[in-house]
Protein backbone atom coordinates (compact mmCIF):
# COMPACT_ATOMS: atom_id res chain seq x y z
CA MET A 1 -19.93 -25.33 26.07
CA ALA A 2 -18.19 -28.30 26.09
CA GLY A 3 -15.27 -28.89 24.13
CA TYR A 4 -14.32 -25.32 23.96
CA SER A 5 -11.64 -23.58 25.58
CA ARG A 6 -12.32 -20.22 28.18
CA LYS A 7 -11.26 -17.67 25.21
CA GLU A 8 -13.31 -19.66 22.46
CA ALA A 9 -16.62 -19.88 24.51
CA GLN A 10 -16.63 -16.15 24.91
CA LYS A 11 -15.91 -15.32 21.76
CA ALA A 12 -18.77 -17.16 20.66
CA LYS A 13 -21.12 -15.95 23.23
CA ARG A 14 -19.86 -12.41 21.93
CA GLU A 15 -20.84 -13.69 18.50
CA LEU A 16 -24.33 -14.99 19.46
CA LEU A 17 -25.47 -11.89 21.49
CA LEU A 18 -23.71 -9.32 19.17
CA GLY A 19 -24.07 -11.07 15.85
CA THR A 20 -20.81 -10.58 13.64
CA VAL A 21 -21.95 -7.73 10.86
CA CYS A 22 -19.75 -4.25 11.56
CA GLY A 23 -21.79 -2.13 13.78
CA ASN A 24 -20.18 0.73 11.27
CA CYS A 25 -20.03 -0.07 7.78
CA GLY A 26 -22.58 -3.16 7.71
CA LYS A 27 -20.34 -5.89 5.95
CA ASP A 28 -21.10 -9.28 7.52
CA CYS A 29 -17.50 -10.14 8.43
CA GLY A 30 -18.42 -14.06 9.94
CA THR A 31 -15.90 -15.33 12.19
CA GLU A 32 -13.07 -12.37 11.09
CA ILE A 33 -15.25 -9.91 13.14
CA GLU A 34 -13.31 -8.00 16.04
CA TYR A 35 -15.08 -6.21 19.16
CA HIS A 36 -14.36 -3.02 19.57
CA HIS A 37 -14.22 -1.70 23.69
CA VAL A 38 -16.45 1.58 23.57
CA VAL A 39 -14.70 2.52 27.44
CA PRO A 40 -10.80 0.99 26.88
CA LEU A 41 -10.22 -0.91 29.09
CA GLU A 42 -6.95 0.97 30.09
CA ARG A 43 -9.75 3.41 30.96
CA GLY A 44 -11.60 1.37 33.25
CA GLY A 45 -13.39 -0.58 30.65
CA ASN A 46 -14.57 -4.22 30.82
CA ASP A 47 -15.60 -7.16 28.61
CA VAL A 48 -19.01 -6.86 29.44
CA ILE A 49 -21.47 -7.43 25.96
CA SER A 50 -22.30 -3.29 26.66
CA ASN A 51 -19.16 -2.35 26.32
CA LEU A 52 -18.60 -4.63 22.81
CA LEU A 53 -19.16 -3.41 19.85
CA PRO A 54 -18.83 -5.40 16.62
CA LEU A 55 -16.53 -3.75 14.03
CA CYS A 56 -14.90 -5.42 10.40
CA TYR A 57 -10.82 -5.05 10.10
CA GLU A 58 -11.25 -1.55 8.34
CA CYS A 59 -13.81 0.18 10.84
CA HIS A 60 -11.62 -0.92 13.63
CA ASN A 61 -8.46 0.60 12.63
CA LYS A 62 -9.87 3.56 11.56
CA VAL A 63 -11.50 3.61 15.09
CA HIS A 64 -7.96 3.51 16.82
CA PHE A 65 -6.06 5.01 14.03
CA PRO A 66 -8.27 7.85 12.52
CA PHE A 67 -5.33 9.98 10.90
CA VAL A 68 -3.15 7.16 9.07
CA ARG A 69 -4.19 7.10 5.93
CA LYS A 70 -4.93 3.18 4.73
CA LYS A 71 -2.33 2.56 1.63
CA PRO A 72 -3.77 1.88 -1.34
CA GLU A 73 -3.26 -1.97 -2.34
CA ARG A 74 -1.04 -2.47 -5.51
CA THR A 75 1.33 -5.24 -7.09
CA GLY A 76 4.35 -2.53 -7.57
CA ARG A 77 5.65 1.06 -7.20
CA ARG A 78 2.67 3.88 -8.12
CA ARG A 79 3.66 5.07 -11.75
CA LYS A 80 3.85 8.78 -13.18
CA GLU A 81 2.58 9.24 -16.04
CA TYR A 82 4.65 10.89 -19.36
CA ASP A 83 4.36 11.76 -22.37
CA PRO A 84 5.16 8.16 -24.37
CA GLU A 85 7.28 10.44 -27.16
CA LEU A 86 9.14 12.80 -24.92
CA MET A 87 10.09 9.24 -22.90
CA ASP A 88 10.88 7.64 -25.86
CA SER A 89 13.00 10.39 -27.21
CA VAL A 90 14.66 10.67 -23.88
CA PHE A 91 15.52 6.88 -23.45
CA THR A 92 16.81 6.51 -26.81
CA ARG A 93 19.23 9.78 -26.33
CA TYR A 94 20.42 8.44 -22.62
CA VAL A 95 21.01 5.11 -24.07
CA ASN A 96 23.18 6.13 -27.13
CA LYS A 97 25.27 8.38 -24.02
CA GLN A 98 23.69 11.89 -25.71
CA ILE A 99 22.72 12.69 -22.46
CA SER A 100 23.38 11.85 -18.82
CA GLU A 101 21.29 10.59 -15.97
CA ARG A 102 20.52 13.45 -14.41
CA GLU A 103 19.67 15.10 -18.00
CA ALA A 104 17.69 12.45 -18.53
CA ARG A 105 15.87 13.23 -15.10
CA GLU A 106 15.52 17.03 -15.02
CA GLU A 107 13.60 16.65 -18.56
CA LEU A 108 11.31 13.32 -17.39
CA GLY A 109 11.09 15.55 -14.04
CA SER A 110 11.69 12.49 -12.57
CA GLY A 111 13.57 12.37 -8.93
CA ARG A 112 14.43 8.51 -9.62
CA SER A 113 17.20 7.03 -10.89
CA ILE A 114 16.15 6.33 -14.58
CA LYS A 115 17.18 2.26 -14.37
CA ASP A 116 14.77 1.98 -11.80
CA MET A 117 11.73 2.93 -13.14
CA LEU A 118 9.14 0.51 -14.77
CA GLN A 119 8.80 2.78 -17.59
CA PHE A 120 12.64 2.73 -18.62
CA LYS A 121 12.97 -1.17 -17.96
CA GLU A 122 9.44 -1.95 -20.16
CA TRP A 123 10.76 0.61 -22.82
CA ALA A 124 14.36 -1.71 -22.77
CA GLU A 125 12.64 -4.97 -22.90
CA LYS A 126 10.74 -3.31 -25.75
CA HIS A 127 14.09 -2.70 -27.49
CA GLY A 128 15.89 -5.67 -26.67
CA ILE A 129 18.31 -3.49 -24.49
CA ASP A 130 19.68 -4.76 -20.79
CA ALA A 131 18.35 -2.49 -18.84
CA SER A 132 20.79 -3.27 -15.63
CA GLN A 133 24.25 -2.19 -17.77
CA SER A 134 25.33 1.32 -17.57
CA PHE A 135 24.27 4.29 -19.94
CA GLY A 136 24.16 7.70 -20.59
CA ARG A 137 27.23 10.03 -20.41
CA SER A 138 29.23 11.13 -17.29
CA GLY A 139 28.01 14.51 -16.00
CA ARG A 140 31.20 15.14 -13.96
CA TRP A 141 32.62 16.75 -17.20
CA TYR A 142 30.23 17.93 -19.08
CA LYS A 143 27.90 21.29 -18.16
């Protein structure tokens, strides 16, 4: 295998002999395939073909980290669903300083700061309100 480094030549040989299809889920990974050592190197395993198993990235992670949950891919924080009428009522009273932030959080059952809630930011934008300003009456002097 002229023109290849030793590492590239070994990888090409593995791909040729073992293939690029995950031995667990059957996904064809092409050049992204990973090779799992059945007997780990730390426990006396070696790099011979009979000790290698082709696995996709996800299956290889499951083998090495079986108790780690895969994080769902998402663009933002997970949203808690609230009753729209309750949200509108609470946000309106909060912005008009009729209730404190603590009272607003309690009514919504949220532990998050109201100003950090995505729903509040969207509601404020819809109503033309600057969501970064200070709202709610101070809970310090009220029961």
